[in-house]
Amino acid sequence: MKFDELYHVLIENNSKSNYAQHDVAVNRLLKFIEERKAGAEKIANQASKKAGVSRLTAAHFKAKLPVYDKVKKQLLANKPISFIDKEYKKTLSELRKIRSNQIKFQKLTGKMEVLGEILIESKKK
């Protein structure tokens, strides 16, 4: 039995799963998003408690959170996430214009990381 088939069976048999109504690829992506967001929240919270350059780290990881939420919301509503590619390109364009604002740079790179990793993860079979 392939991993995807086994995963699907496990999801169907697990009544506690929030995502049982979605297909295997969507379930995998939702789980990926949940785990990545939890890590980003933890780092953002830890960095927020510190001073100095840690505020750059906090800005970077806080910027990731709404992107994870937006994609998760789309997936849970069974809507396409095709907007990600366009958003990625727009963010990259904005990033190219940054020359002297560290906070804005960190926010844009955080956003771009999330969009890129979800694009990559969504193409896995």
Protein backbone atom coordinates (compact mmCIF):
# COMPACT_ATOMS: atom_id res chain seq x y z
CA MET A 1 0.00 0.00 0.00
CA LYS A 2 1.36 3.42 -0.94
CA PHE A 3 1.83 6.11 1.67
CA ASP A 4 -0.98 8.25 0.16
CA GLU A 5 -3.40 5.33 0.30
CA LEU A 6 -2.41 4.47 3.85
CA TYR A 7 -2.64 8.11 4.90
CA HIS A 8 -6.13 8.33 3.39
CA VAL A 9 -7.25 5.22 5.29
CA LEU A 10 -5.82 6.57 8.53
CA ILE A 11 -7.57 9.91 8.04
CA GLU A 12 -10.90 8.24 7.28
CA ASN A 13 -10.59 6.04 10.35
CA ASN A 14 -9.61 8.88 12.63
CA SER A 15 -12.86 10.55 13.62
CA LYS A 16 -10.93 13.28 15.48
CA SER A 17 -9.38 14.56 12.26
CA ASN A 18 -10.43 18.07 11.29
CA TYR A 19 -9.75 17.34 7.65
CA ALA A 20 -11.39 13.98 7.00
CA GLN A 21 -13.64 15.45 4.29
CA HIS A 22 -10.68 16.56 2.14
CA ASP A 23 -8.58 14.47 -0.21
CA VAL A 24 -5.13 13.18 0.67
CA ALA A 25 -3.18 15.97 -1.05
CA VAL A 26 -5.21 18.68 0.68
CA ASN A 27 -4.91 16.89 4.03
CA ARG A 28 -1.15 16.68 3.63
CA LEU A 29 -0.95 20.37 2.73
CA LEU A 30 -3.16 21.37 5.67
CA LYS A 31 -1.00 19.37 8.06
CA PHE A 32 2.13 20.94 6.57
CA ILE A 33 0.66 24.43 7.01
CA GLU A 34 -0.39 23.72 10.59
CA GLU A 35 3.06 22.46 11.56
CA ARG A 36 4.92 25.28 9.83
CA LYS A 37 2.62 27.92 11.34
CA ALA A 38 3.10 26.49 14.84
CA GLY A 39 6.87 26.76 14.41
CA ALA A 40 6.62 30.32 13.08
CA GLU A 41 4.38 31.35 16.00
CA LYS A 42 6.81 29.91 18.52
CA ILE A 43 9.79 31.72 17.02
CA ALA A 44 7.84 34.98 16.63
CA ASN A 45 6.75 34.86 20.28
CA GLN A 46 10.26 34.11 21.53
CA ALA A 47 11.83 36.85 19.39
CA SER A 48 9.18 39.38 20.44
CA LYS A 49 10.31 39.07 24.05
CA LYS A 50 13.85 40.10 23.16
CA ALA A 51 15.30 43.44 22.14
CA GLY A 52 17.68 44.62 19.45
CA VAL A 53 17.99 42.70 16.22
CA SER A 54 15.56 40.09 17.51
CA ARG A 55 12.80 42.46 16.42
CA LEU A 56 13.83 41.66 12.84
CA THR A 57 13.32 37.97 13.51
CA ALA A 58 9.97 38.68 15.14
CA ALA A 59 8.82 40.76 12.14
CA HIS A 60 9.94 38.03 9.74
CA PHE A 61 8.04 35.25 11.49
CA LYS A 62 4.95 37.32 12.36
CA ALA A 63 4.57 38.16 8.66
CA LYS A 64 4.25 34.45 7.89
CA LEU A 65 1.21 33.85 10.10
CA PRO A 66 -1.50 35.61 8.05
CA VAL A 67 -0.27 33.90 4.89
CA TYR A 68 -0.60 30.46 6.48
CA ASP A 69 -4.09 31.44 7.68
CA LYS A 70 -5.17 32.70 4.26
CA VAL A 71 -4.08 29.55 2.46
CA LYS A 72 -5.58 27.29 5.12
CA LYS A 73 -8.90 29.14 4.88
CA GLN A 74 -8.96 28.67 1.09
CA LEU A 75 -8.19 24.97 1.39
CA LEU A 76 -10.82 24.37 4.07
CA ALA A 77 -13.40 26.11 1.87
CA ASN A 78 -12.43 23.81 -1.02
CA LYS A 79 -11.32 26.85 -3.02
CA PRO A 80 -8.28 26.87 -5.29
CA ILE A 81 -5.01 28.26 -4.03
CA SER A 82 -3.95 29.43 -7.47
CA PHE A 83 -3.58 32.98 -6.09
CA ILE A 84 -0.31 31.89 -4.46
CA ASP A 85 1.75 32.07 -7.64
CA LYS A 86 0.56 35.61 -8.40
CA GLU A 87 1.09 36.69 -4.78
CA TYR A 88 4.59 35.20 -4.81
CA LYS A 89 5.54 37.17 -7.92
CA LYS A 90 4.04 40.37 -6.50
CA THR A 91 5.96 39.93 -3.25
CA LEU A 92 9.18 39.27 -5.14
CA SER A 93 8.64 42.47 -7.12
CA GLU A 94 8.14 44.44 -3.89
CA LEU A 95 11.23 42.85 -2.41
CA ARG A 96 13.36 44.00 -5.32
CA LYS A 97 12.46 47.61 -4.48
CA ILE A 98 13.56 47.46 -0.83
CA ARG A 99 16.84 49.23 -0.25
CA SER A 100 16.91 50.62 3.26
CA ASN A 101 14.11 49.27 5.45
CA GLN A 102 15.11 46.14 7.39
CA ILE A 103 11.70 45.56 8.96
CA LYS A 104 9.88 45.72 5.63
CA PHE A 105 12.54 43.46 4.09
CA GLN A 106 12.04 40.89 6.85
CA LYS A 107 8.27 40.98 6.48
CA LEU A 108 8.43 40.50 2.72
CA THR A 109 10.96 37.66 2.93
CA GLY A 110 8.80 35.94 5.55
CA LYS A 111 5.75 36.22 3.33
CA MET A 112 7.69 35.04 0.29
CA GLU A 113 9.07 32.04 2.18
CA VAL A 114 5.58 30.85 3.09
CA LEU A 115 4.26 31.31 -0.43
CA GLY A 116 7.25 29.50 -1.88
CA GLU A 117 7.17 26.59 0.52
CA ILE A 118 3.43 26.10 -0.02
CA LEU A 119 3.90 26.24 -3.80
CA ILE A 120 6.59 23.58 -3.53
CA GLU A 121 4.63 21.43 -1.09
CA SER A 122 1.42 21.63 -3.12
CA LYS A 123 3.20 20.19 -6.16
CA LYS A 124 4.31 17.06 -4.29
CA LYS A 125 2.44 13.92 -5.19
